[in-house]
Amino acid sequence: MITNPNNGKFELLTLPYAEDALAPVISAETIRFHHGKHLQAYVNNLNAALPGTPLENLPLEEVVVKAEGGMRNNAGQTLNHNLYFLQFAPKPAKSAPSGLLAAAIDRDFGSVNNFMTEFVQKGVSLFGSGWVWLADDDQGKLQITQETNAGNPLQRGLHPLLTFDVWEHAYYLDYQNRRADHLKDLFTILDWTVIENRYAEVLK
């Protein structure tokens, strides 16, 4: 994922799949609104706010950590959505974790199934809008965090690995108020190869 600005501007993420590729879990209509309108607005707002500030031309991750107020919200939402959209695939290369990540999940949650159950529960119980994350610390220990609004584990000194969006615009067209069903179904399109690669980068 490219997180450095291009000529001082961040660009809308290009999806690596067609708009309808994740249906029925995420419909083409939801992709058009979620990616094409919501994410585009966050990118535009961020680009409008950065010029002339000390954060201009910094990588997106640094902006997320250092910015305040509206800029922090738009930077956070840009990074969060980039991580979110890039972890899915219509036919995931790997439908379950393996190797070091699987061992860490077993160690810290008891099993992959236990992790998935807790992850969904944390997503369901997050009041209002926000994100549920799998993140790790500098020792490689995994934890699930609930972040309201545009929050990102980077702001806690953690490394984000996996995230589900629990803002209503992420699922309401397809699932209405059935947030739990949506979160469970997201695991069917999650490509664990992406998450393993993120974990490997952290462990380097």
N, C-alpha and C. Protein backbone atom coordinates (compact mmCIF):
# COMPACT_ATOMS: atom_id res chain seq x y z
N MET A 1 0.85 -1.19 0.00
CA MET A 1 0.00 0.00 0.00
C MET A 1 0.88 1.24 0.00
N ILE A 2 0.66 2.14 -0.94
CA ILE A 2 1.42 3.38 -1.04
C ILE A 2 0.78 4.41 -0.12
N THR A 3 1.55 4.87 0.85
CA THR A 3 1.00 5.84 1.80
C THR A 3 1.73 7.16 1.75
N ASN A 4 2.65 7.33 0.80
CA ASN A 4 3.32 8.60 0.64
C ASN A 4 2.54 9.47 -0.34
N PRO A 5 2.49 10.78 -0.10
CA PRO A 5 1.75 11.65 -1.03
C PRO A 5 2.46 11.75 -2.38
N ASN A 6 1.70 11.98 -3.41
CA ASN A 6 2.22 12.17 -4.77
C ASN A 6 2.10 13.65 -5.10
N ASN A 7 3.26 14.31 -5.21
CA ASN A 7 3.27 15.76 -5.43
C ASN A 7 2.45 16.49 -4.38
N GLY A 8 2.60 16.04 -3.13
CA GLY A 8 1.93 16.70 -2.03
C GLY A 8 0.48 16.29 -1.83
N LYS A 9 -0.04 15.38 -2.66
CA LYS A 9 -1.43 14.98 -2.58
C LYS A 9 -1.56 13.47 -2.38
N PHE A 10 -2.51 13.10 -1.54
CA PHE A 10 -2.86 11.68 -1.44
C PHE A 10 -3.91 11.36 -2.49
N GLU A 11 -3.90 10.14 -2.95
CA GLU A 11 -4.79 9.73 -4.02
C GLU A 11 -5.78 8.68 -3.53
N LEU A 12 -6.93 8.67 -4.15
CA LEU A 12 -7.94 7.65 -3.82
C LEU A 12 -7.38 6.28 -4.15
N LEU A 13 -7.48 5.36 -3.21
CA LEU A 13 -7.05 3.99 -3.41
C LEU A 13 -7.74 3.37 -4.62
N THR A 14 -6.95 2.74 -5.48
CA THR A 14 -7.53 1.96 -6.58
C THR A 14 -7.81 0.55 -6.07
N LEU A 15 -9.05 0.13 -6.17
CA LEU A 15 -9.42 -1.19 -5.68
C LEU A 15 -8.81 -2.28 -6.56
N PRO A 16 -8.33 -3.37 -5.97
CA PRO A 16 -7.73 -4.45 -6.75
C PRO A 16 -8.77 -5.47 -7.25
N TYR A 17 -10.04 -5.10 -7.20
CA TYR A 17 -11.12 -5.98 -7.65
C TYR A 17 -12.25 -5.12 -8.19
N ALA A 18 -13.15 -5.74 -8.94
CA ALA A 18 -14.28 -5.03 -9.51
C ALA A 18 -15.29 -4.64 -8.42
N GLU A 19 -16.11 -3.64 -8.70
CA GLU A 19 -17.08 -3.16 -7.72
C GLU A 19 -18.00 -4.26 -7.21
N ASP A 20 -18.35 -5.20 -8.06
CA ASP A 20 -19.30 -6.24 -7.68
C ASP A 20 -18.61 -7.53 -7.23
N ALA A 21 -17.29 -7.51 -7.09
CA ALA A 21 -16.55 -8.76 -6.85
C ALA A 21 -16.76 -9.32 -5.46
N LEU A 22 -17.10 -8.50 -4.48
CA LEU A 22 -17.25 -8.96 -3.10
C LEU A 22 -18.69 -9.27 -2.73
N ALA A 23 -19.60 -9.13 -3.68
CA ALA A 23 -21.01 -9.43 -3.42
C ALA A 23 -21.18 -10.93 -3.17
N PRO A 24 -22.14 -11.30 -2.32
CA PRO A 24 -23.16 -10.47 -1.67
C PRO A 24 -22.72 -9.87 -0.33
N VAL A 25 -21.51 -10.17 0.14
CA VAL A 25 -21.09 -9.66 1.44
C VAL A 25 -20.99 -8.14 1.41
N ILE A 26 -20.36 -7.61 0.36
CA ILE A 26 -20.33 -6.17 0.13
C ILE A 26 -20.78 -5.94 -1.31
N SER A 27 -21.93 -5.34 -1.47
CA SER A 27 -22.50 -5.19 -2.81
C SER A 27 -21.79 -4.11 -3.60
N ALA A 28 -22.02 -4.13 -4.91
CA ALA A 28 -21.45 -3.10 -5.78
C ALA A 28 -21.97 -1.72 -5.38
N GLU A 29 -23.23 -1.63 -4.97
CA GLU A 29 -23.78 -0.35 -4.55
C GLU A 29 -23.06 0.18 -3.32
N THR A 30 -22.80 -0.70 -2.36
CA THR A 30 -22.07 -0.27 -1.17
C THR A 30 -20.65 0.16 -1.52
N ILE A 31 -19.99 -0.57 -2.40
CA ILE A 31 -18.65 -0.18 -2.83
C ILE A 31 -18.68 1.20 -3.48
N ARG A 32 -19.67 1.44 -4.32
CA ARG A 32 -19.73 2.74 -5.00
C ARG A 32 -19.88 3.88 -4.00
N PHE A 33 -20.70 3.69 -2.97
CA PHE A 33 -20.88 4.72 -1.97
C PHE A 33 -19.68 4.79 -1.01
N HIS A 34 -19.27 3.62 -0.51
CA HIS A 34 -18.27 3.55 0.55
C HIS A 34 -16.90 3.99 0.02
N HIS A 35 -16.50 3.44 -1.10
CA HIS A 35 -15.21 3.77 -1.68
C HIS A 35 -15.28 5.04 -2.52
N GLY A 36 -16.24 5.08 -3.41
CA GLY A 36 -16.29 6.16 -4.39
C GLY A 36 -16.74 7.50 -3.85
N LYS A 37 -17.50 7.50 -2.76
CA LYS A 37 -18.00 8.75 -2.21
C LYS A 37 -17.41 9.05 -0.83
N HIS A 38 -17.58 8.12 0.13
CA HIS A 38 -17.09 8.37 1.49
C HIS A 38 -15.56 8.50 1.52
N LEU A 39 -14.86 7.49 1.00
CA LEU A 39 -13.40 7.54 1.02
C LEU A 39 -12.89 8.69 0.18
N GLN A 40 -13.49 8.92 -0.97
CA GLN A 40 -13.05 10.04 -1.80
C GLN A 40 -13.17 11.36 -1.05
N ALA A 41 -14.25 11.52 -0.28
CA ALA A 41 -14.44 12.76 0.49
C ALA A 41 -13.35 12.92 1.55
N TYR A 42 -12.99 11.83 2.23
CA TYR A 42 -11.93 11.91 3.23
C TYR A 42 -10.60 12.31 2.59
N VAL A 43 -10.29 11.72 1.45
CA VAL A 43 -9.04 12.04 0.75
C VAL A 43 -9.05 13.51 0.32
N ASN A 44 -10.17 13.96 -0.24
CA ASN A 44 -10.25 15.36 -0.68
C ASN A 44 -10.09 16.32 0.50
N ASN A 45 -10.77 16.02 1.60
CA ASN A 45 -10.69 16.90 2.77
C ASN A 45 -9.28 16.94 3.34
N LEU A 46 -8.61 15.78 3.36
CA LEU A 46 -7.24 15.72 3.85
C LEU A 46 -6.32 16.55 2.97
N ASN A 47 -6.45 16.40 1.67
CA ASN A 47 -5.60 17.14 0.75
C ASN A 47 -5.83 18.65 0.85
N ALA A 48 -7.05 19.05 1.15
CA ALA A 48 -7.36 20.47 1.29
C ALA A 48 -6.75 21.05 2.56
N ALA A 49 -6.60 20.21 3.59
CA ALA A 49 -6.13 20.70 4.89
C ALA A 49 -4.61 20.71 5.03
N LEU A 50 -3.90 19.91 4.27
CA LEU A 50 -2.46 19.72 4.48
C LEU A 50 -1.56 20.86 4.01
N PRO A 51 -1.84 21.50 2.88
CA PRO A 51 -0.88 22.50 2.36
C PRO A 51 -0.55 23.59 3.37
N GLY A 52 0.75 23.86 3.51
CA GLY A 52 1.21 24.91 4.41
C GLY A 52 1.36 24.50 5.85
N THR A 53 1.08 23.22 6.16
CA THR A 53 1.22 22.73 7.53
C THR A 53 2.52 21.94 7.67
N PRO A 54 2.98 21.72 8.90
CA PRO A 54 4.20 20.91 9.09
C PRO A 54 4.04 19.46 8.65
N LEU A 55 2.81 19.02 8.46
CA LEU A 55 2.56 17.63 8.09
C LEU A 55 2.52 17.41 6.58
N GLU A 56 2.59 18.48 5.83
CA GLU A 56 2.56 18.35 4.37
C GLU A 56 3.73 17.49 3.90
N ASN A 57 3.44 16.55 3.01
CA ASN A 57 4.42 15.64 2.40
C ASN A 57 4.88 14.51 3.31
N LEU A 58 4.32 14.39 4.51
CA LEU A 58 4.66 13.26 5.37
C LEU A 58 3.86 12.03 4.93
N PRO A 59 4.37 10.81 5.22
CA PRO A 59 3.58 9.60 4.96
C PRO A 59 2.27 9.64 5.74
N LEU A 60 1.28 8.96 5.22
CA LEU A 60 -0.05 8.99 5.81
C LEU A 60 -0.04 8.51 7.25
N GLU A 61 0.75 7.48 7.55
CA GLU A 61 0.80 6.96 8.92
C GLU A 61 1.27 8.04 9.90
N GLU A 62 2.24 8.84 9.49
CA GLU A 62 2.72 9.90 10.38
C GLU A 62 1.68 10.99 10.57
N VAL A 63 0.95 11.30 9.52
CA VAL A 63 -0.12 12.29 9.63
C VAL A 63 -1.18 11.81 10.61
N VAL A 64 -1.52 10.53 10.53
CA VAL A 64 -2.53 9.96 11.43
C VAL A 64 -2.12 10.11 12.89
N VAL A 65 -0.85 9.92 13.17
CA VAL A 65 -0.36 10.00 14.54
C VAL A 65 -0.21 11.44 15.02
N LYS A 66 0.23 12.33 14.14
CA LYS A 66 0.61 13.69 14.56
C LYS A 66 -0.49 14.73 14.40
N ALA A 67 -1.43 14.50 13.51
CA ALA A 67 -2.46 15.51 13.23
C ALA A 67 -3.45 15.62 14.38
N GLU A 68 -4.18 16.71 14.37
CA GLU A 68 -5.23 16.94 15.36
C GLU A 68 -6.50 17.39 14.65
N GLY A 69 -7.61 17.30 15.38
CA GLY A 69 -8.88 17.82 14.89
C GLY A 69 -9.35 17.18 13.60
N GLY A 70 -9.89 18.02 12.71
CA GLY A 70 -10.45 17.51 11.47
C GLY A 70 -9.44 16.85 10.57
N MET A 71 -8.20 17.36 10.56
CA MET A 71 -7.18 16.73 9.74
C MET A 71 -6.91 15.31 10.22
N ARG A 72 -6.87 15.12 11.54
CA ARG A 72 -6.64 13.78 12.09
C ARG A 72 -7.78 12.84 11.71
N ASN A 73 -9.00 13.34 11.74
CA ASN A 73 -10.15 12.51 11.36
C ASN A 73 -10.07 12.08 9.91
N ASN A 74 -9.76 13.01 9.02
CA ASN A 74 -9.71 12.67 7.60
C ASN A 74 -8.50 11.80 7.26
N ALA A 75 -7.38 12.04 7.93
CA ALA A 75 -6.22 11.17 7.72
C ALA A 75 -6.50 9.76 8.24
N GLY A 76 -7.10 9.68 9.42
CA GLY A 76 -7.43 8.38 9.98
C GLY A 76 -8.40 7.60 9.11
N GLN A 77 -9.42 8.28 8.63
CA GLN A 77 -10.40 7.59 7.79
C GLN A 77 -9.78 7.16 6.46
N THR A 78 -8.86 7.95 5.94
CA THR A 78 -8.19 7.56 4.70
C THR A 78 -7.36 6.30 4.91
N LEU A 79 -6.53 6.28 5.93
CA LEU A 79 -5.70 5.11 6.20
C LEU A 79 -6.56 3.90 6.58
N ASN A 80 -7.54 4.11 7.43
CA ASN A 80 -8.39 2.99 7.85
C ASN A 80 -9.06 2.32 6.67
N HIS A 81 -9.61 3.13 5.78
CA HIS A 81 -10.30 2.56 4.63
C HIS A 81 -9.33 1.87 3.67
N ASN A 82 -8.13 2.43 3.51
CA ASN A 82 -7.14 1.77 2.65
C ASN A 82 -6.82 0.37 3.18
N LEU A 83 -6.57 0.26 4.48
CA LEU A 83 -6.29 -1.04 5.08
C LEU A 83 -7.48 -1.97 4.95
N TYR A 84 -8.66 -1.43 5.14
CA TYR A 84 -9.90 -2.21 5.08
C TYR A 84 -10.13 -2.80 3.68
N PHE A 85 -10.12 -1.97 2.67
CA PHE A 85 -10.45 -2.44 1.33
C PHE A 85 -9.39 -3.41 0.77
N LEU A 86 -8.14 -3.22 1.14
CA LEU A 86 -7.08 -4.05 0.57
C LEU A 86 -6.98 -5.43 1.19
N GLN A 87 -7.71 -5.70 2.27
CA GLN A 87 -7.60 -7.01 2.92
C GLN A 87 -8.62 -8.02 2.39
N PHE A 88 -9.49 -7.59 1.48
CA PHE A 88 -10.54 -8.47 0.97
C PHE A 88 -10.23 -8.96 -0.44
N ALA A 89 -10.81 -10.10 -0.78
CA ALA A 89 -10.67 -10.65 -2.13
C ALA A 89 -11.91 -11.50 -2.43
N PRO A 90 -12.35 -11.51 -3.68
CA PRO A 90 -13.52 -12.34 -4.03
C PRO A 90 -13.25 -13.83 -3.81
N LYS A 91 -12.02 -14.24 -4.05
CA LYS A 91 -11.59 -15.61 -3.77
C LYS A 91 -10.28 -15.53 -3.00
N PRO A 92 -10.38 -15.43 -1.67
CA PRO A 92 -9.16 -15.23 -0.88
C PRO A 92 -8.12 -16.31 -1.14
N ALA A 93 -6.86 -15.88 -1.25
CA ALA A 93 -5.78 -16.84 -1.45
C ALA A 93 -5.62 -17.74 -0.24
N LYS A 94 -5.99 -17.23 0.92
CA LYS A 94 -5.88 -18.02 2.15
C LYS A 94 -7.06 -17.67 3.04
N SER A 95 -7.87 -18.64 3.40
CA SER A 95 -9.09 -18.40 4.16
C SER A 95 -8.90 -18.58 5.66
N ALA A 96 -7.69 -18.91 6.07
CA ALA A 96 -7.39 -19.05 7.50
C ALA A 96 -5.92 -18.71 7.70
N PRO A 97 -5.56 -18.20 8.86
CA PRO A 97 -4.16 -17.84 9.11
C PRO A 97 -3.29 -19.08 9.27
N SER A 98 -2.00 -18.92 9.04
CA SER A 98 -1.05 -20.02 9.22
C SER A 98 0.26 -19.43 9.74
N GLY A 99 1.21 -20.29 9.99
CA GLY A 99 2.54 -19.85 10.37
C GLY A 99 2.59 -19.05 11.64
N LEU A 100 3.42 -18.00 11.64
CA LEU A 100 3.64 -17.19 12.84
C LEU A 100 2.37 -16.50 13.31
N LEU A 101 1.55 -16.03 12.37
CA LEU A 101 0.32 -15.34 12.78
C LEU A 101 -0.64 -16.31 13.44
N ALA A 102 -0.81 -17.49 12.88
CA ALA A 102 -1.70 -18.48 13.49
C ALA A 102 -1.22 -18.85 14.88
N ALA A 103 0.09 -18.99 15.04
CA ALA A 103 0.64 -19.33 16.35
C ALA A 103 0.38 -18.21 17.35
N ALA A 104 0.51 -16.96 16.90
CA ALA A 104 0.28 -15.83 17.79
C ALA A 104 -1.20 -15.73 18.18
N ILE A 105 -2.09 -16.00 17.23
CA ILE A 105 -3.52 -15.98 17.53
C ILE A 105 -3.87 -17.08 18.53
N ASP A 106 -3.33 -18.28 18.33
CA ASP A 106 -3.57 -19.38 19.28
C ASP A 106 -3.04 -19.01 20.67
N ARG A 107 -1.88 -18.39 20.70
CA ARG A 107 -1.27 -18.01 21.97
C ARG A 107 -2.09 -16.96 22.72
N ASP A 108 -2.57 -15.96 21.99
CA ASP A 108 -3.20 -14.81 22.65
C ASP A 108 -4.72 -14.90 22.75
N PHE A 109 -5.35 -15.80 21.94
CA PHE A 109 -6.81 -15.91 21.99
C PHE A 109 -7.29 -17.34 22.21
N GLY A 110 -6.41 -18.30 22.20
CA GLY A 110 -6.79 -19.69 22.41
C GLY A 110 -6.98 -20.46 21.13
N SER A 111 -7.57 -19.82 20.11
CA SER A 111 -7.78 -20.45 18.81
C SER A 111 -8.26 -19.38 17.83
N VAL A 112 -8.21 -19.72 16.55
CA VAL A 112 -8.72 -18.80 15.54
C VAL A 112 -10.21 -18.57 15.73
N ASN A 113 -10.95 -19.62 16.02
CA ASN A 113 -12.39 -19.47 16.24
C ASN A 113 -12.68 -18.56 17.42
N ASN A 114 -11.92 -18.71 18.50
CA ASN A 114 -12.10 -17.83 19.65
C ASN A 114 -11.83 -16.38 19.27
N PHE A 115 -10.77 -16.17 18.49
CA PHE A 115 -10.46 -14.82 18.04
C PHE A 115 -11.60 -14.24 17.22
N MET A 116 -12.11 -15.00 16.25
CA MET A 116 -13.18 -14.50 15.39
C MET A 116 -14.42 -14.16 16.20
N THR A 117 -14.76 -15.01 17.16
CA THR A 117 -15.93 -14.75 18.00
C THR A 117 -15.75 -13.47 18.80
N GLU A 118 -14.58 -13.29 19.41
CA GLU A 118 -14.32 -12.08 20.20
C GLU A 118 -14.26 -10.85 19.31
N PHE A 119 -13.70 -10.99 18.13
CA PHE A 119 -13.58 -9.86 17.21
C PHE A 119 -14.96 -9.36 16.80
N VAL A 120 -15.84 -10.29 16.46
CA VAL A 120 -17.21 -9.90 16.08
C VAL A 120 -17.91 -9.27 17.27
N GLN A 121 -17.76 -9.86 18.46
CA GLN A 121 -18.41 -9.31 19.65
C GLN A 121 -17.95 -7.89 19.94
N LYS A 122 -16.65 -7.64 19.77
CA LYS A 122 -16.12 -6.30 20.00
C LYS A 122 -16.66 -5.33 18.95
N GLY A 123 -16.84 -5.81 17.74
CA GLY A 123 -17.41 -4.95 16.70
C GLY A 123 -18.87 -4.63 16.97
N VAL A 124 -19.61 -5.63 17.42
CA VAL A 124 -21.04 -5.43 17.71
C VAL A 124 -21.22 -4.49 18.90
N SER A 125 -20.37 -4.61 19.91
CA SER A 125 -20.55 -3.86 21.14
C SER A 125 -19.98 -2.45 21.09
N LEU A 126 -19.30 -2.10 19.99
CA LEU A 126 -18.79 -0.74 19.86
C LEU A 126 -19.96 0.20 19.60
N PHE A 127 -20.20 1.11 20.51
CA PHE A 127 -21.35 2.01 20.39
C PHE A 127 -21.09 3.08 19.35
N GLY A 128 -22.07 3.30 18.49
CA GLY A 128 -21.94 4.34 17.49
C GLY A 128 -21.06 3.91 16.34
N SER A 129 -20.28 4.84 15.84
CA SER A 129 -19.46 4.60 14.65
C SER A 129 -18.00 4.38 15.02
N GLY A 130 -17.32 3.55 14.23
CA GLY A 130 -15.91 3.32 14.49
C GLY A 130 -15.40 2.08 13.81
N TRP A 131 -14.35 1.50 14.41
CA TRP A 131 -13.62 0.39 13.81
C TRP A 131 -13.22 -0.60 14.89
N VAL A 132 -13.21 -1.88 14.55
CA VAL A 132 -12.64 -2.89 15.43
C VAL A 132 -11.37 -3.41 14.75
N TRP A 133 -10.30 -3.58 15.54
CA TRP A 133 -8.99 -3.87 14.97
C TRP A 133 -8.34 -5.07 15.64
N LEU A 134 -7.57 -5.81 14.86
CA LEU A 134 -6.54 -6.70 15.39
C LEU A 134 -5.23 -5.96 15.22
N ALA A 135 -4.51 -5.77 16.33
CA ALA A 135 -3.26 -5.03 16.30
C ALA A 135 -2.24 -5.75 17.17
N ASP A 136 -0.98 -5.39 17.00
CA ASP A 136 0.05 -5.98 17.86
C ASP A 136 0.99 -4.90 18.38
N ASP A 137 1.66 -5.23 19.47
CA ASP A 137 2.61 -4.30 20.06
C ASP A 137 4.02 -4.63 19.58
N ASP A 138 4.99 -3.95 20.13
CA ASP A 138 6.37 -4.13 19.67
C ASP A 138 6.95 -5.50 20.00
N GLN A 139 6.30 -6.24 20.88
CA GLN A 139 6.74 -7.60 21.22
C GLN A 139 5.98 -8.66 20.43
N GLY A 140 5.10 -8.23 19.54
CA GLY A 140 4.34 -9.17 18.73
C GLY A 140 3.09 -9.71 19.39
N LYS A 141 2.72 -9.20 20.57
CA LYS A 141 1.51 -9.65 21.25
C LYS A 141 0.30 -9.02 20.59
N LEU A 142 -0.69 -9.85 20.33
CA LEU A 142 -1.89 -9.42 19.63
C LEU A 142 -2.96 -8.95 20.60
N GLN A 143 -3.75 -7.99 20.16
CA GLN A 143 -4.90 -7.56 20.94
C GLN A 143 -5.97 -7.00 20.02
N ILE A 144 -7.20 -7.04 20.49
CA ILE A 144 -8.33 -6.47 19.76
C ILE A 144 -8.64 -5.12 20.38
N THR A 145 -8.72 -4.09 19.55
CA THR A 145 -9.06 -2.76 20.06
C THR A 145 -10.32 -2.24 19.38
N GLN A 146 -11.07 -1.48 20.12
CA GLN A 146 -12.22 -0.76 19.59
C GLN A 146 -11.81 0.71 19.45
N GLU A 147 -11.97 1.24 18.27
CA GLU A 147 -11.60 2.64 18.03
C GLU A 147 -12.82 3.39 17.51
N THR A 148 -13.19 4.45 18.20
CA THR A 148 -14.35 5.22 17.79
C THR A 148 -14.01 6.14 16.62
N ASN A 149 -15.02 6.44 15.83
CA ASN A 149 -14.91 7.40 14.73
C ASN A 149 -13.76 7.05 13.79
N ALA A 150 -12.69 7.87 13.75
CA ALA A 150 -11.58 7.64 12.81
C ALA A 150 -10.36 7.06 13.49
N GLY A 151 -10.51 6.50 14.68
CA GLY A 151 -9.37 6.03 15.45
C GLY A 151 -8.61 4.90 14.77
N ASN A 152 -7.31 4.85 15.04
CA ASN A 152 -6.42 3.83 14.49
C ASN A 152 -5.46 3.39 15.59
N PRO A 153 -5.14 2.11 15.69
CA PRO A 153 -4.21 1.65 16.74
C PRO A 153 -2.85 2.33 16.72
N LEU A 154 -2.44 2.89 15.58
CA LEU A 154 -1.18 3.63 15.54
C LEU A 154 -1.14 4.72 16.59
N GLN A 155 -2.31 5.29 16.87
CA GLN A 155 -2.38 6.38 17.84
C GLN A 155 -2.20 5.89 19.28
N ARG A 156 -2.21 4.56 19.47
CA ARG A 156 -1.94 3.95 20.77
C ARG A 156 -0.52 3.37 20.83
N GLY A 157 0.24 3.55 19.76
CA GLY A 157 1.56 2.95 19.69
C GLY A 157 1.53 1.49 19.26
N LEU A 158 0.42 1.05 18.68
CA LEU A 158 0.27 -0.32 18.20
C LEU A 158 0.36 -0.37 16.69
N HIS A 159 0.43 -1.59 16.15
CA HIS A 159 0.55 -1.79 14.71
C HIS A 159 -0.74 -2.43 14.18
N PRO A 160 -1.49 -1.75 13.32
CA PRO A 160 -2.74 -2.30 12.80
C PRO A 160 -2.51 -3.44 11.82
N LEU A 161 -3.28 -4.52 11.99
CA LEU A 161 -3.14 -5.68 11.12
C LEU A 161 -4.42 -5.96 10.33
N LEU A 162 -5.54 -5.88 10.98
CA LEU A 162 -6.83 -6.27 10.39
C LEU A 162 -7.89 -5.35 10.97
N THR A 163 -8.84 -4.94 10.14
CA THR A 163 -9.90 -4.07 10.65
C THR A 163 -11.23 -4.31 9.95
N PHE A 164 -12.30 -4.20 10.71
CA PHE A 164 -13.65 -4.19 10.17
C PHE A 164 -14.28 -2.85 10.49
N ASP A 165 -14.91 -2.27 9.51
CA ASP A 165 -15.56 -0.97 9.62
C ASP A 165 -16.97 -1.17 10.19
N VAL A 166 -17.29 -0.51 11.29
CA VAL A 166 -18.63 -0.63 11.85
C VAL A 166 -19.41 0.68 11.74
N TRP A 167 -18.94 1.61 10.91
CA TRP A 167 -19.80 2.72 10.52
C TRP A 167 -20.97 2.14 9.71
N GLU A 168 -22.14 2.69 9.89
CA GLU A 168 -23.31 2.12 9.20
C GLU A 168 -23.18 2.17 7.69
N HIS A 169 -22.48 3.17 7.15
CA HIS A 169 -22.37 3.24 5.68
C HIS A 169 -21.62 2.04 5.11
N ALA A 170 -20.91 1.29 5.96
CA ALA A 170 -20.16 0.12 5.48
C ALA A 170 -21.06 -1.08 5.22
N TYR A 171 -22.24 -1.11 5.83
CA TYR A 171 -23.05 -2.33 5.73
C TYR A 171 -24.55 -2.11 5.62
N TYR A 172 -25.05 -0.90 5.82
CA TYR A 172 -26.49 -0.74 5.98
C TYR A 172 -27.28 -1.04 4.70
N LEU A 173 -26.73 -0.73 3.55
CA LEU A 173 -27.45 -1.03 2.30
C LEU A 173 -27.65 -2.53 2.11
N ASP A 174 -26.73 -3.32 2.63
CA ASP A 174 -26.77 -4.77 2.43
C ASP A 174 -27.35 -5.53 3.62
N TYR A 175 -27.13 -5.03 4.83
CA TYR A 175 -27.50 -5.79 6.03
C TYR A 175 -28.43 -5.03 6.97
N GLN A 176 -28.79 -3.80 6.62
CA GLN A 176 -29.59 -2.96 7.49
C GLN A 176 -28.97 -2.91 8.90
N ASN A 177 -29.71 -3.31 9.93
CA ASN A 177 -29.18 -3.20 11.30
C ASN A 177 -28.49 -4.48 11.77
N ARG A 178 -28.24 -5.45 10.88
CA ARG A 178 -27.67 -6.73 11.28
C ARG A 178 -26.14 -6.66 11.24
N ARG A 179 -25.60 -5.85 12.13
CA ARG A 179 -24.15 -5.64 12.17
C ARG A 179 -23.41 -6.95 12.43
N ALA A 180 -23.89 -7.76 13.34
CA ALA A 180 -23.20 -9.01 13.68
C ALA A 180 -23.11 -9.93 12.47
N ASP A 181 -24.20 -10.06 11.72
CA ASP A 181 -24.18 -10.92 10.54
C ASP A 181 -23.16 -10.41 9.51
N HIS A 182 -23.13 -9.11 9.34
CA HIS A 182 -22.18 -8.53 8.39
C HIS A 182 -20.74 -8.81 8.81
N LEU A 183 -20.42 -8.61 10.09
CA LEU A 183 -19.06 -8.83 10.55
C LEU A 183 -18.65 -10.29 10.40
N LYS A 184 -19.55 -11.21 10.72
CA LYS A 184 -19.24 -12.62 10.54
C LYS A 184 -18.96 -12.94 9.08
N ASP A 185 -19.78 -12.38 8.19
CA ASP A 185 -19.63 -12.68 6.76
C ASP A 185 -18.35 -12.07 6.17
N LEU A 186 -17.86 -10.99 6.76
CA LEU A 186 -16.62 -10.40 6.25
C LEU A 186 -15.45 -11.39 6.30
N PHE A 187 -15.48 -12.30 7.26
CA PHE A 187 -14.39 -13.28 7.34
C PHE A 187 -14.36 -14.20 6.12
N THR A 188 -15.49 -14.32 5.40
CA THR A 188 -15.52 -15.19 4.23
C THR A 188 -14.81 -14.57 3.03
N ILE A 189 -14.58 -13.26 3.06
CA ILE A 189 -13.87 -12.60 1.96
C ILE A 189 -12.52 -12.03 2.42
N LEU A 190 -12.15 -12.31 3.65
CA LEU A 190 -10.87 -11.84 4.18
C LEU A 190 -9.73 -12.71 3.65
N ASP A 191 -8.73 -12.08 3.08
CA ASP A 191 -7.56 -12.80 2.59
C ASP A 191 -6.49 -12.76 3.68
N TRP A 192 -6.31 -13.88 4.36
CA TRP A 192 -5.37 -13.92 5.47
C TRP A 192 -3.92 -13.75 5.02
N THR A 193 -3.65 -13.94 3.74
CA THR A 193 -2.30 -13.68 3.24
C THR A 193 -1.92 -12.23 3.47
N VAL A 194 -2.85 -11.32 3.25
CA VAL A 194 -2.61 -9.89 3.47
C VAL A 194 -2.27 -9.63 4.93
N ILE A 195 -3.04 -10.23 5.83
CA ILE A 195 -2.83 -10.01 7.26
C ILE A 195 -1.50 -10.61 7.69
N GLU A 196 -1.17 -11.78 7.18
CA GLU A 196 0.12 -12.40 7.50
C GLU A 196 1.28 -11.53 7.03
N ASN A 197 1.14 -10.93 5.86
CA ASN A 197 2.20 -10.06 5.34
C ASN A 197 2.36 -8.82 6.20
N ARG A 198 1.27 -8.28 6.67
CA ARG A 198 1.35 -7.11 7.57
C ARG A 198 2.04 -7.50 8.88
N TYR A 199 1.72 -8.66 9.39
CA TYR A 199 2.33 -9.13 10.63
C TYR A 199 3.82 -9.37 10.43
N ALA A 200 4.18 -9.94 9.30
CA ALA A 200 5.60 -10.19 9.01
C ALA A 200 6.38 -8.88 8.93
N GLU A 201 5.78 -7.84 8.37
CA GLU A 201 6.45 -6.54 8.29
C GLU A 201 6.72 -5.98 9.68
N VAL A 202 5.76 -6.18 10.59
CA VAL A 202 5.93 -5.67 11.95
C VAL A 202 7.06 -6.41 12.67
N LEU A 203 7.18 -7.72 12.41
CA LEU A 203 8.16 -8.53 13.12
C LEU A 203 9.58 -8.33 12.62
N LYS A 204 9.76 -7.67 11.49
CA LYS A 204 11.10 -7.48 10.93
C LYS A 204 11.98 -6.64 11.86
